[in-house]
């Protein structure tokens, strides 16, 4: 099971403003912070997400085929988070909607181009 996901950023403060608002929708805030790294989540509360300036000093780049996903409590929360992300300047990668019988998701890219997803699994709903 994943403990956390870290994404690279070339403008940590710009990206942090984006993630502060997205993470607030899940009821979490910053739990660790330094000049080069910020993490959001709840200690002991499941996987979190972090942003970092690359340790090697080279520019952050987007990994082809790499994506981090936020688990929502409902389809309505998927819609809300997806709309919030786009309103904050996220690039649309697939609007919120059903993907099969039990998977509902929206896809977008953060200010650094990292691909994200917000989803809800609805078995038996």
C-alpha atoms as a PDB file:
ATOM      1  CA  UNK A   1       0.000   0.000   0.000  1.00  0.00           C
ATOM      2  CA  UNK A   2       1.258   3.485  -0.762  1.00  0.00           C
ATOM      3  CA  UNK A   3       2.313   5.757   2.068  1.00  0.00           C
ATOM      4  CA  UNK A   4       2.573   8.922  -0.021  1.00  0.00           C
ATOM      5  CA  UNK A   5       3.248  10.230  -3.519  1.00  0.00           C
ATOM      6  CA  UNK A   6       5.749  12.999  -4.246  1.00  0.00           C
ATOM      7  CA  UNK A   7       5.566  15.121  -7.396  1.00  0.00           C
ATOM      8  CA  UNK A   8       8.197  17.495  -8.696  1.00  0.00           C
ATOM      9  CA  UNK A   9       7.697  21.233  -9.012  1.00  0.00           C
ATOM     10  CA  UNK A  10       9.710  24.044 -10.555  1.00  0.00           C
ATOM     11  CA  UNK A  11       7.639  26.708  -8.745  1.00  0.00           C
ATOM     12  CA  UNK A  12       6.887  25.351  -5.295  1.00  0.00           C
ATOM     13  CA  UNK A  13       4.882  28.349  -4.065  1.00  0.00           C
ATOM     14  CA  UNK A  14       2.614  28.438  -7.152  1.00  0.00           C
ATOM     15  CA  UNK A  15       2.027  24.687  -6.935  1.00  0.00           C
ATOM     16  CA  UNK A  16       1.480  24.869  -3.160  1.00  0.00           C
ATOM     17  CA  UNK A  17      -1.350  27.387  -3.632  1.00  0.00           C
ATOM     18  CA  UNK A  18      -3.008  24.897  -6.017  1.00  0.00           C
ATOM     19  CA  UNK A  19      -2.601  21.907  -3.657  1.00  0.00           C
ATOM     20  CA  UNK A  20      -3.658  23.893  -0.560  1.00  0.00           C
ATOM     21  CA  UNK A  21      -7.104  24.326  -2.136  1.00  0.00           C
ATOM     22  CA  UNK A  22      -7.378  20.833  -3.615  1.00  0.00           C
ATOM     23  CA  UNK A  23      -6.321  19.136  -0.367  1.00  0.00           C
ATOM     24  CA  UNK A  24      -8.667  21.334   1.681  1.00  0.00           C
ATOM     25  CA  UNK A  25     -11.546  19.700  -0.204  1.00  0.00           C
ATOM     26  CA  UNK A  26     -10.445  16.406   1.355  1.00  0.00           C
ATOM     27  CA  UNK A  27     -10.167  17.932   4.819  1.00  0.00           C
ATOM     28  CA  UNK A  28      -6.370  17.877   4.972  1.00  0.00           C
ATOM     29  CA  UNK A  29      -3.720  20.546   5.148  1.00  0.00           C
ATOM     30  CA  UNK A  30       0.027  20.828   5.176  1.00  0.00           C
ATOM     31  CA  UNK A  31       1.688  18.384   7.567  1.00  0.00           C
ATOM     32  CA  UNK A  32       5.361  18.914   6.645  1.00  0.00           C
ATOM     33  CA  UNK A  33       7.134  21.854   5.079  1.00  0.00           C
ATOM     34  CA  UNK A  34      10.625  23.109   4.253  1.00  0.00           C
ATOM     35  CA  UNK A  35      12.139  25.442   1.664  1.00  0.00           C
ATOM     36  CA  UNK A  36      12.143  22.662  -0.941  1.00  0.00           C
ATOM     37  CA  UNK A  37       9.326  20.279   0.110  1.00  0.00           C
ATOM     38  CA  UNK A  38       5.679  20.465   1.219  1.00  0.00           C
ATOM     39  CA  UNK A  39       3.443  17.528   2.150  1.00  0.00           C
ATOM     40  CA  UNK A  40      -0.310  17.392   2.705  1.00  0.00           C
ATOM     41  CA  UNK A  41      -2.222  14.752   4.635  1.00  0.00           C
ATOM     42  CA  UNK A  42      -3.024  13.547   8.118  1.00  0.00           C
ATOM     43  CA  UNK A  43      -0.307  11.800  10.114  1.00  0.00           C
ATOM     44  CA  UNK A  44      -1.487   8.204  10.420  1.00  0.00           C
ATOM     45  CA  UNK A  45      -4.433   9.008   8.153  1.00  0.00           C
ATOM     46  CA  UNK A  46      -3.518   7.141   4.978  1.00  0.00           C
ATOM     47  CA  UNK A  47      -1.563   8.189   1.930  1.00  0.00           C
ATOM     48  CA  UNK A  48      -0.566  11.812   1.492  1.00  0.00           C
ATOM     49  CA  UNK A  49       0.844  13.891  -1.334  1.00  0.00           C
ATOM     50  CA  UNK A  50       4.031  15.929  -1.441  1.00  0.00           C
ATOM     51  CA  UNK A  51       5.683  18.442  -3.737  1.00  0.00           C
ATOM     52  CA  UNK A  52       9.405  18.899  -4.011  1.00  0.00           C
ATOM     53  CA  UNK A  53      12.063  20.716  -5.924  1.00  0.00           C
ATOM     54  CA  UNK A  54      14.209  17.871  -7.285  1.00  0.00           C
ATOM     55  CA  UNK A  55      17.070  16.990  -4.948  1.00  0.00           C
ATOM     56  CA  UNK A  56      19.568  16.837  -7.827  1.00  0.00           C
ATOM     57  CA  UNK A  57      18.933  20.510  -8.675  1.00  0.00           C
ATOM     58  CA  UNK A  58      17.755  19.708 -12.200  1.00  0.00           C
ATOM     59  CA  UNK A  59      14.342  20.870 -13.465  1.00  0.00           C
ATOM     60  CA  UNK A  60      11.297  18.835 -12.468  1.00  0.00           C
ATOM     61  CA  UNK A  61       9.768  16.969 -15.399  1.00  0.00           C
ATOM     62  CA  UNK A  62       6.525  15.061 -15.853  1.00  0.00           C
ATOM     63  CA  UNK A  63       6.795  11.275 -16.005  1.00  0.00           C
ATOM     64  CA  UNK A  64       5.064   9.770 -19.035  1.00  0.00           C
ATOM     65  CA  UNK A  65       2.463   7.312 -17.752  1.00  0.00           C
ATOM     66  CA  UNK A  66       2.728   8.538 -14.142  1.00  0.00           C
ATOM     67  CA  UNK A  67      -0.441   9.682 -12.365  1.00  0.00           C
ATOM     68  CA  UNK A  68      -1.497  10.254  -8.765  1.00  0.00           C
ATOM     69  CA  UNK A  69      -5.148   9.813  -7.754  1.00  0.00           C
ATOM     70  CA  UNK A  70      -7.242  11.397  -4.995  1.00  0.00           C
ATOM     71  CA  UNK A  71     -10.021   9.159  -3.613  1.00  0.00           C
ATOM     72  CA  UNK A  72     -13.322  11.025  -3.179  1.00  0.00           C
ATOM     73  CA  UNK A  73     -16.203  10.131  -0.858  1.00  0.00           C
ATOM     74  CA  UNK A  74     -18.833  10.563  -3.596  1.00  0.00           C
ATOM     75  CA  UNK A  75     -19.422  11.361  -7.259  1.00  0.00           C
ATOM     76  CA  UNK A  76     -20.423  14.849  -6.119  1.00  0.00           C
ATOM     77  CA  UNK A  77     -17.041  15.336  -4.482  1.00  0.00           C
ATOM     78  CA  UNK A  78     -15.360  14.169  -7.710  1.00  0.00           C
ATOM     79  CA  UNK A  79     -17.319  16.823  -9.618  1.00  0.00           C
ATOM     80  CA  UNK A  80     -16.460  19.497  -7.032  1.00  0.00           C
ATOM     81  CA  UNK A  81     -12.721  18.755  -6.890  1.00  0.00           C
ATOM     82  CA  UNK A  82     -12.429  18.428 -10.680  1.00  0.00           C
ATOM     83  CA  UNK A  83     -14.237  21.783 -11.185  1.00  0.00           C
ATOM     84  CA  UNK A  84     -12.064  23.409  -8.504  1.00  0.00           C
ATOM     85  CA  UNK A  85      -8.866  22.154 -10.130  1.00  0.00           C
ATOM     86  CA  UNK A  86      -9.896  23.482 -13.544  1.00  0.00           C
ATOM     87  CA  UNK A  87     -10.925  26.828 -11.992  1.00  0.00           C
ATOM     88  CA  UNK A  88      -7.427  27.039 -10.468  1.00  0.00           C
ATOM     89  CA  UNK A  89      -5.860  26.647 -13.913  1.00  0.00           C
ATOM     90  CA  UNK A  90      -5.492  22.879 -14.144  1.00  0.00           C
ATOM     91  CA  UNK A  91      -5.380  21.483 -17.664  1.00  0.00           C
ATOM     92  CA  UNK A  92      -8.336  19.215 -18.458  1.00  0.00           C
ATOM     93  CA  UNK A  93      -7.329  15.626 -19.214  1.00  0.00           C
ATOM     94  CA  UNK A  94     -10.855  14.162 -19.175  1.00  0.00           C
ATOM     95  CA  UNK A  95     -13.938  15.637 -17.496  1.00  0.00           C
ATOM     96  CA  UNK A  96     -15.545  14.075 -14.452  1.00  0.00           C
ATOM     97  CA  UNK A  97     -17.876  11.277 -15.406  1.00  0.00           C
ATOM     98  CA  UNK A  98     -18.451   7.524 -15.396  1.00  0.00           C
ATOM     99  CA  UNK A  99     -15.696   5.236 -16.611  1.00  0.00           C
ATOM    100  CA  UNK A 100     -17.425   1.864 -16.658  1.00  0.00           C
ATOM    101  CA  UNK A 101     -20.070   0.623 -14.236  1.00  0.00           C
ATOM    102  CA  UNK A 102     -18.478   1.414 -10.880  1.00  0.00           C
ATOM    103  CA  UNK A 103     -15.700   3.948 -11.509  1.00  0.00           C
ATOM    104  CA  UNK A 104     -16.370   7.706 -11.671  1.00  0.00           C
ATOM    105  CA  UNK A 105     -13.402  10.018 -12.269  1.00  0.00           C
ATOM    106  CA  UNK A 106     -12.053  13.300 -13.586  1.00  0.00           C
ATOM    107  CA  UNK A 107      -8.518  13.831 -14.893  1.00  0.00           C
ATOM    108  CA  UNK A 108      -6.397  16.989 -14.910  1.00  0.00           C
ATOM    109  CA  UNK A 109      -2.829  18.308 -14.796  1.00  0.00           C
ATOM    110  CA  UNK A 110      -1.494  20.530 -12.034  1.00  0.00           C
ATOM    111  CA  UNK A 111       0.434  23.784 -12.701  1.00  0.00           C
ATOM    112  CA  UNK A 112       3.652  21.801 -13.309  1.00  0.00           C
ATOM    113  CA  UNK A 113       1.964  19.369 -15.715  1.00  0.00           C
ATOM    114  CA  UNK A 114       1.739  16.413 -13.303  1.00  0.00           C
ATOM    115  CA  UNK A 115      -1.258  14.221 -14.182  1.00  0.00           C
ATOM    116  CA  UNK A 116      -3.842  13.763 -11.445  1.00  0.00           C
ATOM    117  CA  UNK A 117      -7.185  12.037 -11.069  1.00  0.00           C
ATOM    118  CA  UNK A 118     -10.014  12.354  -8.590  1.00  0.00           C
ATOM    119  CA  UNK A 119     -12.170   9.221  -8.402  1.00  0.00           C
ATOM    120  CA  UNK A 120     -14.943   7.394  -6.599  1.00  0.00           C
ATOM    121  CA  UNK A 121     -15.610   3.659  -6.677  1.00  0.00           C
ATOM    122  CA  UNK A 122     -19.306   2.923  -6.346  1.00  0.00           C
ATOM    123  CA  UNK A 123     -19.799  -0.824  -6.020  1.00  0.00           C
ATOM    124  CA  UNK A 124     -23.417  -1.530  -5.163  1.00  0.00           C
ATOM    125  CA  UNK A 125     -24.486   2.129  -5.018  1.00  0.00           C
END
